[in-house]
Amino acid sequence: MADRLQGKVAIISGGASGCGAAAARLFAAEGAAVGIIDRNADLGQALAAELTNAGHRAVFAAADVSQKAQVEAAVANVAQALGPVNVLFNHAGTIVIKPFLETEEADWDFLFDVNVKSMYLMTRAVLPMMVAQGKGAIVCTSSISAVYATPMEVLYDATKGACHMFARAIAVEFRDRGIRCNAICPGFIETPHGVREIKELAALGVDASEAAITAAQGRLGKPEDIARAALYLASDDAEFVTGAQLFVDGGFSAV
């Protein structure tokens, strides 16, 4: 077994499926004790059981990560079961795809709560443990959409721009306390989230065809592509990397 996260206690929000689940499996294989926080209890419990049965330390805690009380309770449950947390992968998020003039205030509030407020709540709950240890690594899932705008995604793009800057600002404020914070910026990834994005964009007349994606980034990304990037940023291999944005997009951002 590899050991790049040996001795670490990691929380992954949105860890029950997709890229989050891929990261949970990889982090566990690399030696971390893994706390999975997600609103999907069935998938989360099944993944925690899978990891435990494979000989890893893993627990699941259900939470709507946009709700403070639920986040604080879930983080406390993980810490009680596994020990003080020193790795946080802020991965939970979703998408709303609509023409801007059809985007309602409720859409705006919902997506900022899930994509941005969740990072604040998760980080706020975990940071005191990292400060007490004098060391920690935070990885936030941003997106190519933080920098490259897409029609019908004004709201989503705005939330990811906020995630981008959140990671940079946390990095600057907590650098001298031994805590790193970086952002991952995925391109189009083959997950339920990514497949839904492609389908809904196409339905609204945006060219998100296989040919268009191939031209932009070579292929659809895999959840494991994002998990490996998160592993690097979470590990001590990246001890001098903080406040960075790692684009995992097959060259989408290089064109």
C-alpha atoms as a PDB file:
ATOM      1  CA  MET A   1       0.000   0.000   0.000  1.00  0.00           C
ATOM      2  CA  ALA A   2       1.237   3.477  -0.839  1.00  0.00           C
ATOM      3  CA  ASP A   3       1.617   5.941   1.977  1.00  0.00           C
ATOM      4  CA  ARG A   4       1.503   9.499   0.706  1.00  0.00           C
ATOM      5  CA  LEU A   5      -1.256  10.257   3.237  1.00  0.00           C
ATOM      6  CA  GLN A   6      -0.102   7.889   5.965  1.00  0.00           C
ATOM      7  CA  GLY A   7      -1.233   9.167   9.358  1.00  0.00           C
ATOM      8  CA  LYS A   8      -3.570  11.783   7.875  1.00  0.00           C
ATOM      9  CA  VAL A   9      -7.238  12.172   8.718  1.00  0.00           C
ATOM     10  CA  ALA A  10      -9.114  13.462   5.677  1.00  0.00           C
ATOM     11  CA  ILE A  11     -12.645  14.716   5.183  1.00  0.00           C
ATOM     12  CA  ILE A  12     -14.152  14.730   1.704  1.00  0.00           C
ATOM     13  CA  SER A  13     -17.368  16.678   1.241  1.00  0.00           C
ATOM     14  CA  GLY A  14     -19.501  15.394  -1.596  1.00  0.00           C
ATOM     15  CA  GLY A  15     -17.536  12.190  -1.146  1.00  0.00           C
ATOM     16  CA  ALA A  16     -20.243   9.620  -1.807  1.00  0.00           C
ATOM     17  CA  SER A  17     -20.076   9.557  -5.605  1.00  0.00           C
ATOM     18  CA  GLY A  18     -18.234  10.791  -8.678  1.00  0.00           C
ATOM     19  CA  CYS A  19     -14.869  12.479  -8.171  1.00  0.00           C
ATOM     20  CA  GLY A  20     -15.411  12.631  -4.415  1.00  0.00           C
ATOM     21  CA  ALA A  21     -15.804   8.870  -4.176  1.00  0.00           C
ATOM     22  CA  ALA A  22     -12.743   8.357  -6.381  1.00  0.00           C
ATOM     23  CA  ALA A  23     -10.794  10.595  -4.005  1.00  0.00           C
ATOM     24  CA  ALA A  24     -12.100   8.700  -0.961  1.00  0.00           C
ATOM     25  CA  ARG A  25     -10.851   5.418  -2.407  1.00  0.00           C
ATOM     26  CA  LEU A  26      -7.490   6.875  -3.413  1.00  0.00           C
ATOM     27  CA  PHE A  27      -6.921   8.726  -0.127  1.00  0.00           C
ATOM     28  CA  ALA A  28      -7.681   5.539   1.800  1.00  0.00           C
ATOM     29  CA  ALA A  29      -5.343   3.503  -0.409  1.00  0.00           C
ATOM     30  CA  GLU A  30      -2.646   6.096   0.300  1.00  0.00           C
ATOM     31  CA  GLY A  31      -2.972   5.622   4.050  1.00  0.00           C
ATOM     32  CA  ALA A  32      -5.474   8.234   5.185  1.00  0.00           C
ATOM     33  CA  ALA A  33      -8.370   7.674   7.518  1.00  0.00           C
ATOM     34  CA  VAL A  34     -11.289   9.015   5.503  1.00  0.00           C
ATOM     35  CA  GLY A  35     -14.440  10.791   6.602  1.00  0.00           C
ATOM     36  CA  ILE A  36     -17.077  10.979   3.870  1.00  0.00           C
ATOM     37  CA  ILE A  37     -19.642  13.766   4.217  1.00  0.00           C
ATOM     38  CA  ASP A  38     -22.542  13.819   1.796  1.00  0.00           C
ATOM     39  CA  ARG A  39     -26.315  14.188   1.753  1.00  0.00           C
ATOM     40  CA  ASN A  40     -26.711  10.823  -0.011  1.00  0.00           C
ATOM     41  CA  ALA A  41     -26.697   8.463   2.965  1.00  0.00           C
ATOM     42  CA  ASP A  42     -27.160   5.273   0.947  1.00  0.00           C
ATOM     43  CA  LEU A  43     -24.141   5.847  -1.269  1.00  0.00           C
ATOM     44  CA  GLY A  44     -22.060   7.307   1.542  1.00  0.00           C
ATOM     45  CA  GLN A  45     -22.671   4.435   3.920  1.00  0.00           C
ATOM     46  CA  ALA A  46     -21.998   1.901   1.173  1.00  0.00           C
ATOM     47  CA  LEU A  47     -18.681   3.537   0.301  1.00  0.00           C
ATOM     48  CA  ALA A  48     -17.596   3.735   3.939  1.00  0.00           C
ATOM     49  CA  ALA A  49     -18.452   0.041   4.352  1.00  0.00           C
ATOM     50  CA  GLU A  50     -16.499  -0.808   1.182  1.00  0.00           C
ATOM     51  CA  LEU A  51     -13.423   0.974   2.494  1.00  0.00           C
ATOM     52  CA  THR A  52     -13.744  -0.504   5.973  1.00  0.00           C
ATOM     53  CA  ASN A  53     -14.137  -4.011   4.560  1.00  0.00           C
ATOM     54  CA  ALA A  54     -10.946  -3.435   2.569  1.00  0.00           C
ATOM     55  CA  GLY A  55      -9.085  -2.753   5.807  1.00  0.00           C
ATOM     56  CA  HIS A  56      -9.145   1.041   5.799  1.00  0.00           C
ATOM     57  CA  ARG A  57     -10.399   3.418   8.482  1.00  0.00           C
ATOM     58  CA  ALA A  58     -13.461   5.189   7.118  1.00  0.00           C
ATOM     59  CA  VAL A  59     -16.706   6.671   8.379  1.00  0.00           C
ATOM     60  CA  PHE A  60     -19.691   8.352   6.795  1.00  0.00           C
ATOM     61  CA  ALA A  61     -21.576  11.320   8.212  1.00  0.00           C
ATOM     62  CA  ALA A  62     -24.707  12.628   6.510  1.00  0.00           C
ATOM     63  CA  ALA A  63     -25.055  16.372   6.039  1.00  0.00           C
ATOM     64  CA  ASP A  64     -26.457  19.042   3.789  1.00  0.00           C
ATOM     65  CA  VAL A  65     -23.206  20.962   3.513  1.00  0.00           C
ATOM     66  CA  SER A  66     -25.032  24.260   3.061  1.00  0.00           C
ATOM     67  CA  GLN A  67     -26.412  23.997   6.621  1.00  0.00           C
ATOM     68  CA  LYS A  68     -24.152  25.072   9.497  1.00  0.00           C
ATOM     69  CA  ALA A  69     -25.550  22.804  12.210  1.00  0.00           C
ATOM     70  CA  GLN A  70     -25.394  19.743   9.972  1.00  0.00           C
ATOM     71  CA  VAL A  71     -21.828  20.492   8.886  1.00  0.00           C
ATOM     72  CA  GLU A  72     -20.614  21.041  12.437  1.00  0.00           C
ATOM     73  CA  ALA A  73     -22.257  17.834  13.647  1.00  0.00           C
ATOM     74  CA  ALA A  74     -20.844  15.792  10.761  1.00  0.00           C
ATOM     75  CA  VAL A  75     -17.306  17.132  11.226  1.00  0.00           C
ATOM     76  CA  ALA A  76     -17.517  16.459  14.964  1.00  0.00           C
ATOM     77  CA  ASN A  77     -18.660  12.887  14.295  1.00  0.00           C
ATOM     78  CA  VAL A  78     -15.747  12.267  11.925  1.00  0.00           C
ATOM     79  CA  ALA A  79     -13.207  13.747  14.333  1.00  0.00           C
ATOM     80  CA  GLN A  80     -14.573  11.691  17.206  1.00  0.00           C
ATOM     81  CA  ALA A  81     -14.313   8.501  15.163  1.00  0.00           C
ATOM     82  CA  LEU A  82     -11.009   9.088  13.392  1.00  0.00           C
ATOM     83  CA  GLY A  83      -9.138  11.845  15.245  1.00  0.00           C
ATOM     84  CA  PRO A  84      -8.298  15.488  14.478  1.00  0.00           C
ATOM     85  CA  VAL A  85      -8.715  16.311  10.796  1.00  0.00           C
ATOM     86  CA  ASN A  86      -5.678  17.599   8.885  1.00  0.00           C
ATOM     87  CA  VAL A  87      -6.822  17.190   5.258  1.00  0.00           C
ATOM     88  CA  LEU A  88     -10.027  18.684   3.840  1.00  0.00           C
ATOM     89  CA  PHE A  89     -11.235  18.166   0.281  1.00  0.00           C
ATOM     90  CA  ASN A  90     -14.012  20.701  -0.273  1.00  0.00           C
ATOM     91  CA  HIS A  91     -15.569  18.904  -3.206  1.00  0.00           C
ATOM     92  CA  ALA A  92     -19.350  19.146  -2.707  1.00  0.00           C
ATOM     93  CA  GLY A  93     -21.116  21.105  -5.412  1.00  0.00           C
ATOM     94  CA  THR A  94     -23.744  21.035  -8.117  1.00  0.00           C
ATOM     95  CA  ILE A  95     -24.832  23.017 -11.164  1.00  0.00           C
ATOM     96  CA  VAL A  96     -27.741  25.086 -12.422  1.00  0.00           C
ATOM     97  CA  ILE A  97     -27.858  25.663 -16.180  1.00  0.00           C
ATOM     98  CA  LYS A  98     -30.315  28.288 -17.376  1.00  0.00           C
ATOM     99  CA  PRO A  99     -30.422  31.316 -19.615  1.00  0.00           C
ATOM    100  CA  PHE A 100     -29.475  34.263 -17.436  1.00  0.00           C
ATOM    101  CA  LEU A 101     -32.826  35.989 -17.813  1.00  0.00           C
ATOM    102  CA  GLU A 102     -34.569  32.838 -16.613  1.00  0.00           C
ATOM    103  CA  THR A 103     -32.294  32.474 -13.579  1.00  0.00           C
ATOM    104  CA  GLU A 104     -34.360  33.247 -10.508  1.00  0.00           C
ATOM    105  CA  GLU A 105     -33.272  34.536  -7.124  1.00  0.00           C
ATOM    106  CA  ALA A 106     -33.995  31.123  -5.631  1.00  0.00           C
ATOM    107  CA  ASP A 107     -31.584  29.542  -8.143  1.00  0.00           C
ATOM    108  CA  TRP A 108     -28.918  32.077  -7.222  1.00  0.00           C
ATOM    109  CA  ASP A 109     -29.282  31.535  -3.484  1.00  0.00           C
ATOM    110  CA  PHE A 110     -29.399  27.743  -3.834  1.00  0.00           C
ATOM    111  CA  LEU A 111     -26.257  27.418  -5.918  1.00  0.00           C
ATOM    112  CA  PHE A 112     -24.200  29.865  -3.869  1.00  0.00           C
ATOM    113  CA  ASP A 113     -25.253  27.977  -0.736  1.00  0.00           C
ATOM    114  CA  VAL A 114     -24.209  24.593  -2.109  1.00  0.00           C
ATOM    115  CA  ASN A 115     -21.078  25.601  -4.018  1.00  0.00           C
ATOM    116  CA  VAL A 116     -19.669  28.473  -1.961  1.00  0.00           C
ATOM    117  CA  LYS A 117     -21.256  28.675   1.479  1.00  0.00           C
ATOM    118  CA  SER A 118     -20.480  24.968   1.924  1.00  0.00           C
ATOM    119  CA  MET A 119     -16.763  25.686   1.527  1.00  0.00           C
ATOM    120  CA  TYR A 120     -16.988  28.389   4.175  1.00  0.00           C
ATOM    121  CA  LEU A 121     -18.881  26.113   6.568  1.00  0.00           C
ATOM    122  CA  MET A 122     -16.671  23.061   6.031  1.00  0.00           C
ATOM    123  CA  THR A 123     -13.452  25.044   6.272  1.00  0.00           C
ATOM    124  CA  ARG A 124     -14.675  26.965   9.317  1.00  0.00           C
ATOM    125  CA  ALA A 125     -15.473  23.684  11.069  1.00  0.00           C
ATOM    126  CA  VAL A 126     -12.160  21.995  10.256  1.00  0.00           C
ATOM    127  CA  LEU A 127      -9.608  24.838  10.452  1.00  0.00           C
ATOM    128  CA  PRO A 128      -9.402  25.019  14.269  1.00  0.00           C
ATOM    129  CA  MET A 129      -8.166  21.419  14.330  1.00  0.00           C
ATOM    130  CA  MET A 130      -5.521  22.233  11.719  1.00  0.00           C
ATOM    131  CA  VAL A 131      -4.424  25.376  13.565  1.00  0.00           C
ATOM    132  CA  ALA A 132      -4.053  23.346  16.767  1.00  0.00           C
ATOM    133  CA  GLN A 133      -1.865  20.824  14.927  1.00  0.00           C
ATOM    134  CA  GLY A 134       0.163  23.520  13.200  1.00  0.00           C
ATOM    135  CA  LYS A 135      -0.355  21.860   9.844  1.00  0.00           C
ATOM    136  CA  GLY A 136      -3.104  21.105   7.355  1.00  0.00           C
ATOM    137  CA  ALA A 137      -4.021  20.908   3.693  1.00  0.00           C
ATOM    138  CA  ILE A 138      -7.252  22.116   2.120  1.00  0.00           C
ATOM    139  CA  VAL A 139      -8.227  21.379  -1.476  1.00  0.00           C
ATOM    140  CA  CYS A 140     -11.220  23.150  -3.021  1.00  0.00           C
ATOM    141  CA  THR A 141     -12.946  22.052  -6.208  1.00  0.00           C
ATOM    142  CA  SER A 142     -13.264  25.045  -8.490  1.00  0.00           C
ATOM    143  CA  SER A 143     -13.655  24.630 -12.270  1.00  0.00           C
ATOM    144  CA  ILE A 144     -12.499  25.799 -15.644  1.00  0.00           C
ATOM    145  CA  SER A 145     -15.729  27.797 -15.313  1.00  0.00           C
ATOM    146  CA  ALA A 146     -14.028  30.055 -12.766  1.00  0.00           C
ATOM    147  CA  VAL A 147     -12.055  31.557 -15.636  1.00  0.00           C
ATOM    148  CA  TYR A 148     -13.697  30.451 -18.911  1.00  0.00           C
ATOM    149  CA  ALA A 149     -17.311  31.525 -19.292  1.00  0.00           C
ATOM    150  CA  THR A 150     -19.983  29.338 -20.867  1.00  0.00           C
ATOM    151  CA  PRO A 151     -23.372  30.522 -22.138  1.00  0.00           C
ATOM    152  CA  MET A 152     -26.255  29.463 -19.890  1.00  0.00           C
ATOM    153  CA  GLU A 153     -23.868  29.154 -16.927  1.00  0.00           C
ATOM    154  CA  VAL A 154     -23.604  32.708 -15.577  1.00  0.00           C
ATOM    155  CA  LEU A 155     -24.699  31.538 -12.134  1.00  0.00           C
ATOM    156  CA  TYR A 156     -22.453  28.466 -12.079  1.00  0.00           C
ATOM    157  CA  ASP A 157     -19.486  30.435 -13.393  1.00  0.00           C
ATOM    158  CA  ALA A 158     -19.983  33.055 -10.678  1.00  0.00           C
ATOM    159  CA  THR A 159     -19.995  30.435  -7.916  1.00  0.00           C
ATOM    160  CA  LYS A 160     -16.822  28.839  -9.228  1.00  0.00           C
ATOM    161  CA  GLY A 161     -15.116  32.223  -9.461  1.00  0.00           C
ATOM    162  CA  ALA A 162     -15.907  32.603  -5.773  1.00  0.00           C
ATOM    163  CA  CYS A 163     -14.465  29.146  -5.004  1.00  0.00           C
ATOM    164  CA  HIS A 164     -11.303  30.120  -6.875  1.00  0.00           C
ATOM    165  CA  MET A 165     -10.764  33.224  -4.763  1.00  0.00           C
ATOM    166  CA  PHE A 166     -11.822  31.549  -1.518  1.00  0.00           C
ATOM    167  CA  ALA A 167      -8.941  29.078  -1.860  1.00  0.00           C
ATOM    168  CA  ARG A 168      -6.423  31.825  -2.586  1.00  0.00           C
ATOM    169  CA  ALA A 169      -7.519  33.985   0.326  1.00  0.00           C
ATOM    170  CA  ILE A 170      -7.500  31.107   2.824  1.00  0.00           C
ATOM    171  CA  ALA A 171      -3.989  30.265   1.607  1.00  0.00           C
ATOM    172  CA  VAL A 172      -2.723  33.771   2.278  1.00  0.00           C
ATOM    173  CA  GLU A 173      -4.383  34.176   5.682  1.00  0.00           C
ATOM    174  CA  PHE A 174      -3.249  30.811   7.069  1.00  0.00           C
ATOM    175  CA  ARG A 175       0.110  30.267   5.339  1.00  0.00           C
ATOM    176  CA  ASP A 176       2.115  31.250   8.419  1.00  0.00           C
ATOM    177  CA  ARG A 177       0.192  28.758  10.533  1.00  0.00           C
ATOM    178  CA  GLY A 178       1.271  25.789   8.453  1.00  0.00           C
ATOM    179  CA  ILE A 179      -1.956  25.431   6.484  1.00  0.00           C
ATOM    180  CA  ARG A 180      -2.094  25.201   2.717  1.00  0.00           C
ATOM    181  CA  CYS A 181      -5.124  25.757   0.502  1.00  0.00           C
ATOM    182  CA  ASN A 182      -5.323  25.146  -3.232  1.00  0.00           C
ATOM    183  CA  ALA A 183      -7.996  24.833  -5.910  1.00  0.00           C
ATOM    184  CA  ILE A 184      -8.519  22.148  -8.527  1.00  0.00           C
ATOM    185  CA  CYS A 185     -10.153  23.284 -11.749  1.00  0.00           C
ATOM    186  CA  PRO A 186     -11.644  20.328 -13.631  1.00  0.00           C
ATOM    187  CA  GLY A 187     -12.674  20.434 -17.242  1.00  0.00           C
ATOM    188  CA  PHE A 188     -15.578  18.310 -18.470  1.00  0.00           C
ATOM    189  CA  ILE A 189     -15.527  15.116 -16.397  1.00  0.00           C
ATOM    190  CA  GLU A 190     -17.388  11.852 -16.952  1.00  0.00           C
ATOM    191  CA  THR A 191     -19.527  11.862 -13.814  1.00  0.00           C
ATOM    192  CA  PRO A 192     -23.304  12.171 -13.370  1.00  0.00           C
ATOM    193  CA  HIS A 193     -22.720  15.902 -12.799  1.00  0.00           C
ATOM    194  CA  GLY A 194     -20.635  16.244 -15.960  1.00  0.00           C
ATOM    195  CA  VAL A 195     -22.938  14.176 -18.140  1.00  0.00           C
ATOM    196  CA  ARG A 196     -25.938  16.218 -16.977  1.00  0.00           C
ATOM    197  CA  GLU A 197     -24.079  19.447 -17.737  1.00  0.00           C
ATOM    198  CA  ILE A 198     -23.312  18.314 -21.280  1.00  0.00           C
ATOM    199  CA  LYS A 199     -26.903  17.173 -21.874  1.00  0.00           C
ATOM    200  CA  GLU A 200     -28.468  20.372 -20.533  1.00  0.00           C
ATOM    201  CA  LEU A 201     -26.080  22.650 -22.417  1.00  0.00           C
ATOM    202  CA  ALA A 202     -26.849  20.817 -25.657  1.00  0.00           C
ATOM    203  CA  ALA A 203     -30.585  21.133 -25.016  1.00  0.00           C
ATOM    204  CA  LEU A 204     -30.120  24.909 -24.776  1.00  0.00           C
ATOM    205  CA  GLY A 205     -28.191  25.111 -28.047  1.00  0.00           C
ATOM    206  CA  VAL A 206     -24.623  25.193 -26.693  1.00  0.00           C
ATOM    207  CA  ASP A 207     -22.225  22.962 -28.624  1.00  0.00           C
ATOM    208  CA  ALA A 208     -21.139  20.445 -26.001  1.00  0.00           C
ATOM    209  CA  SER A 209     -20.916  17.587 -28.464  1.00  0.00           C
ATOM    210  CA  GLU A 210     -18.318  14.854 -28.225  1.00  0.00           C
ATOM    211  CA  ALA A 211     -16.480  16.481 -31.112  1.00  0.00           C
ATOM    212  CA  ALA A 212     -16.458  19.878 -29.398  1.00  0.00           C
ATOM    213  CA  ILE A 213     -15.181  18.429 -26.128  1.00  0.00           C
ATOM    214  CA  THR A 214     -12.559  16.376 -27.934  1.00  0.00           C
ATOM    215  CA  ALA A 215     -11.353  19.508 -29.697  1.00  0.00           C
ATOM    216  CA  ALA A 216     -11.232  21.459 -26.446  1.00  0.00           C
ATOM    217  CA  GLN A 217      -9.661  18.939 -24.080  1.00  0.00           C
ATOM    218  CA  GLY A 218      -8.854  15.705 -25.929  1.00  0.00           C
ATOM    219  CA  ARG A 219     -11.333  13.487 -24.063  1.00  0.00           C
ATOM    220  CA  LEU A 220     -13.747  13.531 -21.188  1.00  0.00           C
ATOM    221  CA  GLY A 221     -11.905  13.520 -17.910  1.00  0.00           C
ATOM    222  CA  LYS A 222     -12.258  10.622 -15.480  1.00  0.00           C
ATOM    223  CA  PRO A 223     -13.032  10.915 -11.755  1.00  0.00           C
ATOM    224  CA  GLU A 224      -9.615   9.400 -11.085  1.00  0.00           C
ATOM    225  CA  ASP A 225      -7.951  12.326 -12.893  1.00  0.00           C
ATOM    226  CA  ILE A 226      -9.393  14.686 -10.295  1.00  0.00           C
ATOM    227  CA  ALA A 227      -8.692  12.318  -7.400  1.00  0.00           C
ATOM    228  CA  ARG A 228      -4.999  12.099  -8.310  1.00  0.00           C
ATOM    229  CA  ALA A 229      -4.721  15.890  -8.463  1.00  0.00           C
ATOM    230  CA  ALA A 230      -6.421  16.189  -5.077  1.00  0.00           C
ATOM    231  CA  LEU A 231      -4.059  13.576  -3.644  1.00  0.00           C
ATOM    232  CA  TYR A 232      -1.023  15.563  -4.771  1.00  0.00           C
ATOM    233  CA  LEU A 233      -2.304  18.829  -3.304  1.00  0.00           C
ATOM    234  CA  ALA A 234      -3.339  17.126  -0.062  1.00  0.00           C
ATOM    235  CA  SER A 235      -0.010  15.361   0.404  1.00  0.00           C
ATOM    236  CA  ASP A 236       3.289  16.649   1.717  1.00  0.00           C
ATOM    237  CA  ASP A 237       4.621  16.350  -1.833  1.00  0.00           C
ATOM    238  CA  ALA A 238       2.946  19.738  -2.337  1.00  0.00           C
ATOM    239  CA  GLU A 239       4.333  21.313   0.852  1.00  0.00           C
ATOM    240  CA  PHE A 240       5.419  24.497  -1.001  1.00  0.00           C
ATOM    241  CA  VAL A 241       2.255  24.758  -3.102  1.00  0.00           C
ATOM    242  CA  THR A 242      -0.440  27.024  -1.708  1.00  0.00           C
ATOM    243  CA  GLY A 243      -2.855  29.530  -3.202  1.00  0.00           C
ATOM    244  CA  ALA A 244      -2.562  27.769  -6.564  1.00  0.00           C
ATOM    245  CA  GLN A 245      -5.125  26.703  -9.131  1.00  0.00           C
ATOM    246  CA  LEU A 246      -4.392  23.343 -10.725  1.00  0.00           C
ATOM    247  CA  PHE A 247      -6.237  22.973 -14.028  1.00  0.00           C
ATOM    248  CA  VAL A 248      -7.070  19.330 -14.729  1.00  0.00           C
ATOM    249  CA  ASP A 249      -8.658  19.789 -18.119  1.00  0.00           C
ATOM    250  CA  GLY A 250      -6.638  18.107 -20.868  1.00  0.00           C
ATOM    251  CA  GLY A 251      -5.403  21.462 -22.123  1.00  0.00           C
ATOM    252  CA  PHE A 252      -8.798  23.239 -22.294  1.00  0.00           C
ATOM    253  CA  SER A 253      -7.262  26.228 -20.496  1.00  0.00           C
ATOM    254  CA  ALA A 254      -4.127  26.237 -22.664  1.00  0.00           C
ATOM    255  CA  VAL A 255      -5.883  27.120 -25.923  1.00  0.00           C
END
